[in-house]
Amino acid sequence: MAEQEVIRIDARGMKCPRPIIELAKARRRGSPGDTIEIVADDLAFESDVRAWCETTGNPLMVIETNAGESTARIQLSE
């Protein structure tokens, strides 16, 4: 069994929809079971990432916001 990978994305300074575009790109190069960790400071990011996870079926493990930056961890599914 392959080792699970953590794919990190720094989307700070990117405006909507670019953080979600970067997330989608990372999804395509990831494998089921991998985790994507993405940091963004766009005001729409939290609602966008929640909607993306719901639409794609990739579980949102956690989202934390601190000092205007949100960090989301997403588990990649099949």
Protein backbone atom coordinates (compact mmCIF):
# COMPACT_ATOMS: atom_id res chain seq x y z
CA MET A 1 0.00 0.00 0.00
CA ALA A 2 1.32 3.44 -0.94
CA GLU A 3 2.17 5.94 1.77
CA GLN A 4 -0.35 8.73 2.13
CA GLU A 5 0.85 12.17 1.12
CA VAL A 6 0.10 15.64 2.48
CA ILE A 7 -0.17 18.16 -0.35
CA ARG A 8 0.34 21.71 0.90
CA ILE A 9 -0.95 24.79 -0.92
CA ASP A 10 -0.22 28.39 0.01
CA ALA A 11 -3.04 30.37 -1.58
CA ARG A 12 -2.51 33.54 0.46
CA GLY A 13 -2.89 36.64 -1.69
CA MET A 14 -5.03 34.77 -4.25
CA LYS A 15 -8.55 36.01 -4.81
CA CYS A 16 -11.65 33.96 -5.55
CA PRO A 17 -11.84 31.63 -7.45
CA ARG A 18 -8.08 30.95 -7.60
CA PRO A 19 -7.71 29.15 -4.22
CA ILE A 20 -10.37 26.64 -5.29
CA ILE A 21 -8.75 26.26 -8.72
CA GLU A 22 -5.46 25.42 -6.98
CA LEU A 23 -7.33 22.97 -4.74
CA ALA A 24 -8.85 21.25 -7.78
CA LYS A 25 -5.41 20.98 -9.42
CA ALA A 26 -4.01 19.38 -6.27
CA ARG A 27 -6.93 16.93 -6.22
CA ARG A 28 -6.05 15.76 -9.72
CA ARG A 29 -2.46 14.95 -8.74
CA GLY A 30 -3.38 13.40 -5.39
CA SER A 31 -4.56 9.89 -4.58
CA PRO A 32 -7.41 8.62 -2.41
CA GLY A 33 -6.42 8.87 1.24
CA ASP A 34 -4.04 11.79 0.69
CA THR A 35 -4.65 15.04 2.55
CA ILE A 36 -4.61 18.52 1.06
CA GLU A 37 -3.76 21.34 3.42
CA ILE A 38 -4.53 24.74 1.95
CA VAL A 39 -4.01 28.17 3.52
CA ALA A 40 -5.88 31.18 2.11
CA ASP A 41 -6.76 34.70 3.15
CA ASP A 42 -9.57 35.36 0.67
CA LEU A 43 -12.81 36.29 2.45
CA ALA A 44 -14.87 33.82 0.40
CA PHE A 45 -12.50 30.90 0.95
CA GLU A 46 -14.24 29.23 3.89
CA SER A 47 -17.64 29.06 2.20
CA ASP A 48 -16.03 28.14 -1.13
CA VAL A 49 -13.99 25.25 0.31
CA ARG A 50 -17.03 23.91 2.17
CA ALA A 51 -19.07 23.98 -1.05
CA TRP A 52 -16.23 22.36 -3.04
CA CYS A 53 -15.94 19.52 -0.53
CA GLU A 54 -19.69 18.94 -0.51
CA THR A 55 -19.87 18.97 -4.32
CA THR A 56 -16.85 16.70 -4.89
CA GLY A 57 -17.40 14.30 -1.99
CA ASN A 58 -13.94 14.95 -0.52
CA PRO A 59 -14.39 15.25 3.28
CA LEU A 60 -13.41 18.50 4.96
CA MET A 61 -11.48 17.29 8.01
CA VAL A 62 -11.02 20.69 9.63
CA ILE A 63 -11.03 24.38 8.86
CA GLU A 64 -9.41 26.87 11.21
CA THR A 65 -9.33 30.64 10.91
CA ASN A 66 -6.75 32.79 12.67
CA ALA A 67 -5.76 36.42 12.02
CA GLY A 68 -7.63 36.52 8.70
CA GLU A 69 -6.11 33.30 7.35
CA SER A 70 -8.00 30.05 6.97
CA THR A 71 -6.37 26.64 6.90
CA ALA A 72 -8.41 23.73 5.56
CA ARG A 73 -7.49 20.06 5.58
CA ILE A 74 -9.30 17.89 3.07
CA GLN A 75 -9.13 14.08 2.83
CA LEU A 76 -9.15 12.90 -0.77
CA SER A 77 -11.73 10.27 -1.54
CA GLU A 78 -12.11 7.88 -4.45
